[in-house]
PDB file of all heavy atoms in Angstrom:
ATOM      1  N   ASN A   1    -112.732  83.513  28.430  1.00  0.00           N
ATOM      2  CA  ASN A   1    -113.099  84.779  27.815  1.00  0.00           C
ATOM      3  C   ASN A   1    -111.901  85.321  27.044  1.00  0.00           C
ATOM      4  O   ASN A   1    -110.758  85.093  27.406  1.00  0.00           O
ATOM      5  CB  ASN A   1    -113.578  85.790  28.868  1.00  0.00           C
ATOM      6  CG  ASN A   1    -112.479  86.192  29.827  1.00  0.00           C
ATOM      7  OD1 ASN A   1    -111.682  87.087  29.559  1.00  0.00           O
ATOM      8  ND2 ASN A   1    -112.413  85.514  30.975  1.00  0.00           N
ATOM      9  N   ARG A   2    -112.177  86.036  25.969  1.00  0.00           N
ATOM     10  CA  ARG A   2    -111.116  86.590  25.142  1.00  0.00           C
ATOM     11  C   ARG A   2    -111.711  87.563  24.125  1.00  0.00           C
ATOM     12  O   ARG A   2    -112.906  87.553  23.857  1.00  0.00           O
ATOM     13  CB  ARG A   2    -110.366  85.488  24.398  1.00  0.00           C
ATOM     14  CG  ARG A   2    -111.285  84.583  23.573  1.00  0.00           C
ATOM     15  CD  ARG A   2    -110.567  83.801  22.469  1.00  0.00           C
ATOM     16  NE  ARG A   2    -109.431  83.044  22.877  1.00  0.00           N
ATOM     17  CZ  ARG A   2    -109.313  81.721  22.805  1.00  0.00           C
ATOM     18  NH1 ARG A   2    -110.326  81.006  22.350  1.00  0.00           N
ATOM     19  NH2 ARG A   2    -108.216  81.110  23.155  1.00  0.00           N
ATOM     20  N   TRP A   3    -110.836  88.399  23.589  1.00  0.00           N
ATOM     21  CA  TRP A   3    -111.166  89.204  22.421  1.00  0.00           C
ATOM     22  C   TRP A   3    -110.650  88.458  21.211  1.00  0.00           C
ATOM     23  O   TRP A   3    -109.541  87.914  21.223  1.00  0.00           O
ATOM     24  CB  TRP A   3    -110.506  90.584  22.495  1.00  0.00           C
ATOM     25  CG  TRP A   3    -111.200  91.549  23.412  1.00  0.00           C
ATOM     26  CD1 TRP A   3    -110.946  91.744  24.731  1.00  0.00           C
ATOM     27  CD2 TRP A   3    -112.251  92.445  23.069  1.00  0.00           C
ATOM     28  NE1 TRP A   3    -111.781  92.720  25.245  1.00  0.00           N
ATOM     29  CE2 TRP A   3    -112.588  93.166  24.245  1.00  0.00           C
ATOM     30  CE3 TRP A   3    -112.953  92.722  21.883  1.00  0.00           C
ATOM     31  CZ2 TRP A   3    -113.588  94.135  24.260  1.00  0.00           C
ATOM     32  CZ3 TRP A   3    -113.944  93.684  21.913  1.00  0.00           C
ATOM     33  CH2 TRP A   3    -114.262  94.381  23.090  1.00  0.00           C
ATOM     34  N   VAL A   4    -111.446  88.395  20.160  1.00  0.00           N
ATOM     35  CA  VAL A   4    -111.014  87.727  18.933  1.00  0.00           C
ATOM     36  C   VAL A   4    -111.236  88.655  17.740  1.00  0.00           C
ATOM     37  O   VAL A   4    -112.111  89.523  17.757  1.00  0.00           O
ATOM     38  CB  VAL A   4    -111.765  86.396  18.692  1.00  0.00           C
ATOM     39  CG1 VAL A   4    -111.427  85.382  19.757  1.00  0.00           C
ATOM     40  CG2 VAL A   4    -113.263  86.614  18.611  1.00  0.00           C
ATOM     41  N   LYS A   5    -110.414  88.450  16.723  1.00  0.00           N
ATOM     42  CA  LYS A   5    -110.565  89.183  15.465  1.00  0.00           C
ATOM     43  C   LYS A   5    -111.178  88.258  14.428  1.00  0.00           C
ATOM     44  O   LYS A   5    -110.782  87.093  14.308  1.00  0.00           O
ATOM     45  CB  LYS A   5    -109.203  89.681  14.967  1.00  0.00           C
ATOM     46  CG  LYS A   5    -108.615  90.827  15.760  1.00  0.00           C
ATOM     47  CD  LYS A   5    -107.286  91.257  15.165  1.00  0.00           C
ATOM     48  CE  LYS A   5    -106.685  92.426  15.940  1.00  0.00           C
ATOM     49  NZ  LYS A   5    -105.344  92.806  15.410  1.00  0.00           N
ATOM     50  N   LEU A   6    -112.130  88.766  13.702  1.00  0.00           N
ATOM     51  CA  LEU A   6    -112.752  88.033  12.613  1.00  0.00           C
ATOM     52  C   LEU A   6    -112.329  88.681  11.292  1.00  0.00           C
ATOM     53  O   LEU A   6    -112.429  89.896  11.135  1.00  0.00           O
ATOM     54  CB  LEU A   6    -114.280  88.060  12.738  1.00  0.00           C
ATOM     55  CG  LEU A   6    -114.869  87.564  14.067  1.00  0.00           C
ATOM     56  CD1 LEU A   6    -116.384  87.681  14.038  1.00  0.00           C
ATOM     57  CD2 LEU A   6    -114.448  86.133  14.360  1.00  0.00           C
ATOM     58  N   GLU A   7    -111.847  87.869  10.367  1.00  0.00           N
ATOM     59  CA  GLU A   7    -111.455  88.358   9.055  1.00  0.00           C
ATOM     60  C   GLU A   7    -112.196  87.542   7.999  1.00  0.00           C
ATOM     61  O   GLU A   7    -112.093  86.317   7.974  1.00  0.00           O
ATOM     62  CB  GLU A   7    -109.948  88.208   8.833  1.00  0.00           C
ATOM     63  CG  GLU A   7    -109.086  88.994   9.805  1.00  0.00           C
ATOM     64  CD  GLU A   7    -107.605  88.752   9.566  1.00  0.00           C
ATOM     65  OE1 GLU A   7    -107.271  88.058   8.577  1.00  0.00           O
ATOM     66  OE2 GLU A   7    -106.792  89.233  10.372  1.00  0.00           O
ATOM     67  N   LEU A   8    -112.944  88.226   7.161  1.00  0.00           N
ATOM     68  CA  LEU A   8    -113.681  87.539   6.112  1.00  0.00           C
ATOM     69  C   LEU A   8    -112.858  87.528   4.832  1.00  0.00           C
ATOM     70  O   LEU A   8    -112.449  88.570   4.335  1.00  0.00           O
ATOM     71  CB  LEU A   8    -115.027  88.241   5.861  1.00  0.00           C
ATOM     72  CG  LEU A   8    -115.862  87.697   4.708  1.00  0.00           C
ATOM     73  CD1 LEU A   8    -116.175  86.219   4.919  1.00  0.00           C
ATOM     74  CD2 LEU A   8    -117.134  88.503   4.545  1.00  0.00           C
ATOM     75  N   LYS A   9    -112.598  86.324   4.332  1.00  0.00           N
ATOM     76  CA  LYS A   9    -111.932  86.158   3.042  1.00  0.00           C
ATOM     77  C   LYS A   9    -112.932  85.465   2.121  1.00  0.00           C
ATOM     78  O   LYS A   9    -113.350  84.345   2.400  1.00  0.00           O
ATOM     79  CB  LYS A   9    -110.662  85.308   3.169  1.00  0.00           C
ATOM     80  CG  LYS A   9    -109.579  85.933   4.040  1.00  0.00           C
ATOM     81  CD  LYS A   9    -108.352  85.050   4.057  1.00  0.00           C
ATOM     82  CE  LYS A   9    -107.235  85.637   4.907  1.00  0.00           C
ATOM     83  NZ  LYS A   9    -106.031  84.797   4.913  1.00  0.00           N
ATOM     84  N   LEU A  10    -113.318  86.151   1.067  1.00  0.00           N
ATOM     85  CA  LEU A  10    -114.367  85.630   0.205  1.00  0.00           C
ATOM     86  C   LEU A  10    -114.035  84.240  -0.326  1.00  0.00           C
ATOM     87  O   LEU A  10    -112.892  83.946  -0.662  1.00  0.00           O
ATOM     88  CB  LEU A  10    -114.594  86.582  -0.973  1.00  0.00           C
ATOM     89  CG  LEU A  10    -115.215  87.928  -0.625  1.00  0.00           C
ATOM     90  CD1 LEU A  10    -115.411  88.736  -1.884  1.00  0.00           C
ATOM     91  CD2 LEU A  10    -116.538  87.758   0.106  1.00  0.00           C
ATOM     92  N   LEU A  11    -115.063  83.407  -0.410  1.00  0.00           N
ATOM     93  CA  LEU A  11    -114.908  82.068  -0.957  1.00  0.00           C
ATOM     94  C   LEU A  11    -115.293  82.105  -2.433  1.00  0.00           C
ATOM     95  O   LEU A  11    -116.455  81.936  -2.802  1.00  0.00           O
ATOM     96  CB  LEU A  11    -115.796  81.075  -0.205  1.00  0.00           C
ATOM     97  CG  LEU A  11    -115.415  80.826   1.252  1.00  0.00           C
ATOM     98  CD1 LEU A  11    -116.443  79.933   1.917  1.00  0.00           C
ATOM     99  CD2 LEU A  11    -114.043  80.190   1.333  1.00  0.00           C
ATOM    100  N   ALA A  12    -114.332  82.382  -3.284  1.00  0.00           N
ATOM    101  CA  ALA A  12    -114.571  82.438  -4.721  1.00  0.00           C
ATOM    102  C   ALA A  12    -113.622  81.476  -5.416  1.00  0.00           C
ATOM    103  O   ALA A  12    -112.491  81.274  -4.978  1.00  0.00           O
ATOM    104  CB  ALA A  12    -114.368  83.856  -5.245  1.00  0.00           C
ATOM    105  N   ASP A  13    -114.080  80.880  -6.512  1.00  0.00           N
ATOM    106  CA  ASP A  13    -113.235  79.962  -7.268  1.00  0.00           C
ATOM    107  C   ASP A  13    -112.250  80.704  -8.155  1.00  0.00           C
ATOM    108  O   ASP A  13    -111.088  80.332  -8.274  1.00  0.00           O
ATOM    109  CB  ASP A  13    -114.121  79.039  -8.130  1.00  0.00           C
ATOM    110  CG  ASP A  13    -115.087  78.228  -7.296  1.00  0.00           C
ATOM    111  OD1 ASP A  13    -114.630  77.573  -6.350  1.00  0.00           O
ATOM    112  OD2 ASP A  13    -116.293  78.260  -7.577  1.00  0.00           O
ATOM    113  N   VAL A  14    -112.735  81.758  -8.796  1.00  0.00           N
ATOM    114  CA  VAL A  14    -111.931  82.513  -9.750  1.00  0.00           C
ATOM    115  C   VAL A  14    -111.977  83.988  -9.373  1.00  0.00           C
ATOM    116  O   VAL A  14    -113.047  84.516  -9.047  1.00  0.00           O
ATOM    117  CB  VAL A  14    -112.448  82.322 -11.192  1.00  0.00           C
ATOM    118  CG1 VAL A  14    -111.602  83.114 -12.181  1.00  0.00           C
ATOM    119  CG2 VAL A  14    -112.462  80.842 -11.561  1.00  0.00           C
ATOM    120  N   GLY A  15    -110.832  84.662  -9.406  1.00  0.00           N
ATOM    121  CA  GLY A  15    -110.778  86.074  -9.062  1.00  0.00           C
ATOM    122  C   GLY A  15    -110.289  86.928 -10.215  1.00  0.00           C
ATOM    123  O   GLY A  15    -109.351  86.546 -10.928  1.00  0.00           O
ATOM    124  N   LEU A  16    -110.941  88.063 -10.407  1.00  0.00           N
ATOM    125  CA  LEU A  16    -110.515  89.036 -11.405  1.00  0.00           C
ATOM    126  C   LEU A  16    -109.609  90.055 -10.728  1.00  0.00           C
ATOM    127  O   LEU A  16    -110.014  90.719  -9.785  1.00  0.00           O
ATOM    128  CB  LEU A  16    -111.733  89.753 -12.010  1.00  0.00           C
ATOM    129  CG  LEU A  16    -112.680  88.912 -12.863  1.00  0.00           C
ATOM    130  CD1 LEU A  16    -113.992  89.670 -13.076  1.00  0.00           C
ATOM    131  CD2 LEU A  16    -112.039  88.583 -14.193  1.00  0.00           C
ATOM    132  N   VAL A  17    -108.376  90.184 -11.196  1.00  0.00           N
ATOM    133  CA  VAL A  17    -107.445  91.155 -10.625  1.00  0.00           C
ATOM    134  C   VAL A  17    -106.922  92.057 -11.742  1.00  0.00           C
ATOM    135  O   VAL A  17    -106.941  91.700 -12.917  1.00  0.00           O
ATOM    136  CB  VAL A  17    -106.266  90.474  -9.898  1.00  0.00           C
ATOM    137  CG1 VAL A  17    -106.748  89.648  -8.728  1.00  0.00           C
ATOM    138  CG2 VAL A  17    -105.444  89.627 -10.867  1.00  0.00           C
ATOM    139  N   GLY A  18    -106.447  93.217 -11.347  1.00  0.00           N
ATOM    140  CA  GLY A  18    -105.891  94.144 -12.314  1.00  0.00           C
ATOM    141  C   GLY A  18    -106.013  95.576 -11.813  1.00  0.00           C
ATOM    142  O   GLY A  18    -106.612  95.828 -10.760  1.00  0.00           O
ATOM    143  N   TYR A  19    -105.444  96.497 -12.567  1.00  0.00           N
ATOM    144  CA  TYR A  19    -105.506  97.913 -12.215  1.00  0.00           C
ATOM    145  C   TYR A  19    -106.952  98.416 -12.262  1.00  0.00           C
ATOM    146  O   TYR A  19    -107.825  97.785 -12.888  1.00  0.00           O
ATOM    147  CB  TYR A  19    -104.641  98.731 -13.182  1.00  0.00           C
ATOM    148  CG  TYR A  19    -103.270  99.070 -12.640  1.00  0.00           C
ATOM    149  CD1 TYR A  19    -102.211  98.188 -12.800  1.00  0.00           C
ATOM    150  CD2 TYR A  19    -103.054 100.257 -11.973  1.00  0.00           C
ATOM    151  CE1 TYR A  19    -100.950  98.494 -12.303  1.00  0.00           C
ATOM    152  CE2 TYR A  19    -101.799 100.578 -11.469  1.00  0.00           C
ATOM    153  CZ  TYR A  19    -100.749  99.693 -11.639  1.00  0.00           C
ATOM    154  OH  TYR A  19     -99.507  99.998 -11.147  1.00  0.00           O
ATOM    155  N   PRO A  20    -107.225  99.549 -11.618  1.00  0.00           N
ATOM    156  CA  PRO A  20    -108.577 100.129 -11.718  1.00  0.00           C
ATOM    157  C   PRO A  20    -108.931 100.452 -13.172  1.00  0.00           C
ATOM    158  O   PRO A  20    -108.065 100.794 -13.978  1.00  0.00           O
ATOM    159  CB  PRO A  20    -108.468 101.416 -10.883  1.00  0.00           C
ATOM    160  CG  PRO A  20    -107.313 101.189  -9.970  1.00  0.00           C
ATOM    161  CD  PRO A  20    -106.357 100.317 -10.719  1.00  0.00           C
ATOM    162  N   SER A  21    -110.200 100.334 -13.487  1.00  0.00           N
ATOM    163  CA  SER A  21    -110.761 100.721 -14.790  1.00  0.00           C
ATOM    164  C   SER A  21    -110.233  99.912 -15.971  1.00  0.00           C
ATOM    165  O   SER A  21    -110.219 100.399 -17.097  1.00  0.00           O
ATOM    166  CB  SER A  21    -110.516 102.217 -15.054  1.00  0.00           C
ATOM    167  OG  SER A  21    -111.186 103.001 -14.098  1.00  0.00           O
ATOM    168  N   VAL A  22    -109.815  98.661 -15.725  1.00  0.00           N
ATOM    169  CA  VAL A  22    -109.401  97.824 -16.852  1.00  0.00           C
ATOM    170  C   VAL A  22    -110.562  97.001 -17.393  1.00  0.00           C
ATOM    171  O   VAL A  22    -110.418  96.314 -18.415  1.00  0.00           O
ATOM    172  CB  VAL A  22    -108.221  96.887 -16.470  1.00  0.00           C
ATOM    173  CG1 VAL A  22    -106.979  97.690 -16.168  1.00  0.00           C
ATOM    174  CG2 VAL A  22    -108.609  95.979 -15.315  1.00  0.00           C
ATOM    175  N   GLY A  23    -111.711  97.041 -16.691  1.00  0.00           N
ATOM    176  CA  GLY A  23    -112.895  96.355 -17.190  1.00  0.00           C
ATOM    177  C   GLY A  23    -113.326  95.142 -16.410  1.00  0.00           C
ATOM    178  O   GLY A  23    -114.132  94.339 -16.892  1.00  0.00           O
ATOM    179  N   LYS A  24    -112.838  94.974 -15.178  1.00  0.00           N
ATOM    180  CA  LYS A  24    -113.207  93.793 -14.386  1.00  0.00           C
ATOM    181  C   LYS A  24    -114.716  93.778 -14.082  1.00  0.00           C
ATOM    182  O   LYS A  24    -115.372  92.737 -14.197  1.00  0.00           O
ATOM    183  CB  LYS A  24    -112.407  93.777 -13.076  1.00  0.00           C
ATOM    184  CG  LYS A  24    -110.911  93.697 -13.284  1.00  0.00           C
ATOM    185  CD  LYS A  24    -110.147  93.567 -11.966  1.00  0.00           C
ATOM    186  CE  LYS A  24    -110.382  94.740 -11.025  1.00  0.00           C
ATOM    187  NZ  LYS A  24    -109.926  96.024 -11.618  1.00  0.00           N
ATOM    188  N   SER A  25    -115.249  94.911 -13.665  1.00  0.00           N
ATOM    189  CA  SER A  25    -116.673  94.972 -13.330  1.00  0.00           C
ATOM    190  C   SER A  25    -117.536  94.723 -14.559  1.00  0.00           C
ATOM    191  O   SER A  25    -118.594  94.074 -14.470  1.00  0.00           O
ATOM    192  CB  SER A  25    -117.015  96.342 -12.723  1.00  0.00           C
ATOM    193  OG  SER A  25    -116.336  96.541 -11.506  1.00  0.00           O
ATOM    194  N   SER A  26    -117.104  95.217 -15.697  1.00  0.00           N
ATOM    195  CA  SER A  26    -117.860  94.998 -16.935  1.00  0.00           C
ATOM    196  C   SER A  26    -117.879  93.518 -17.306  1.00  0.00           C
ATOM    197  O   SER A  26    -118.891  92.990 -17.779  1.00  0.00           O
ATOM    198  CB  SER A  26    -117.245  95.813 -18.081  1.00  0.00           C
ATOM    199  OG  SER A  26    -117.302  97.201 -17.795  1.00  0.00           O
ATOM    200  N   ILE A  27    -116.765  92.835 -17.065  1.00  0.00           N
ATOM    201  CA  ILE A  27    -116.696  91.410 -17.381  1.00  0.00           C
ATOM    202  C   ILE A  27    -117.645  90.616 -16.499  1.00  0.00           C
ATOM    203  O   ILE A  27    -118.436  89.786 -16.990  1.00  0.00           O
ATOM    204  CB  ILE A  27    -115.244  90.893 -17.224  1.00  0.00           C
ATOM    205  CG1 ILE A  27    -114.361  91.484 -18.328  1.00  0.00           C
ATOM    206  CG2 ILE A  27    -115.215  89.365 -17.267  1.00  0.00           C
ATOM    207  CD1 ILE A  27    -112.885  91.128 -18.187  1.00  0.00           C
ATOM    208  N   ILE A  28    -117.622  90.851 -15.189  1.00  0.00           N
ATOM    209  CA  ILE A  28    -118.470  90.070 -14.300  1.00  0.00           C
ATOM    210  C   ILE A  28    -119.948  90.380 -14.541  1.00  0.00           C
ATOM    211  O   ILE A  28    -120.817  89.528 -14.397  1.00  0.00           O
ATOM    212  CB  ILE A  28    -118.084  90.287 -12.812  1.00  0.00           C
ATOM    213  CG1 ILE A  28    -118.675  89.166 -11.948  1.00  0.00           C
ATOM    214  CG2 ILE A  28    -118.533  91.646 -12.300  1.00  0.00           C
ATOM    215  CD1 ILE A  28    -118.197  89.187 -10.512  1.00  0.00           C
ATOM    216  N   ALA A  29    -120.242  91.618 -14.948  1.00  0.00           N
ATOM    217  CA  ALA A  29    -121.628  91.969 -15.261  1.00  0.00           C
ATOM    218  C   ALA A  29    -122.108  91.245 -16.522  1.00  0.00           C
ATOM    219  O   ALA A  29    -123.294  90.917 -16.646  1.00  0.00           O
ATOM    220  CB  ALA A  29    -121.758  93.481 -15.434  1.00  0.00           C
ATOM    221  N   GLN A  30    -121.191  90.994 -17.466  1.00  0.00           N
ATOM    222  CA  GLN A  30    -121.548  90.322 -18.704  1.00  0.00           C
ATOM    223  C   GLN A  30    -121.758  88.822 -18.507  1.00  0.00           C
ATOM    224  O   GLN A  30    -122.617  88.225 -19.145  1.00  0.00           O
ATOM    225  CB  GLN A  30    -120.445  90.540 -19.744  1.00  0.00           C
ATOM    226  CG  GLN A  30    -120.452  91.909 -20.400  1.00  0.00           C
ATOM    227  CD  GLN A  30    -121.367  91.958 -21.619  1.00  0.00           C
ATOM    228  OE1 GLN A  30    -122.269  91.139 -21.776  1.00  0.00           O
ATOM    229  NE2 GLN A  30    -121.118  92.923 -22.487  1.00  0.00           N
TER     230      GLN A  30
END
C-alpha cells in the first residue's frame, strides 16, 4: 500500500510557446 502522485504531461509532437496574447490559440484554431 502507498500514496502515489499522478502527473499528466501531454503527449504532443509540437508545442506552441510564447507570451500571453501573441496568437498561439489563433494559430491552432486555424
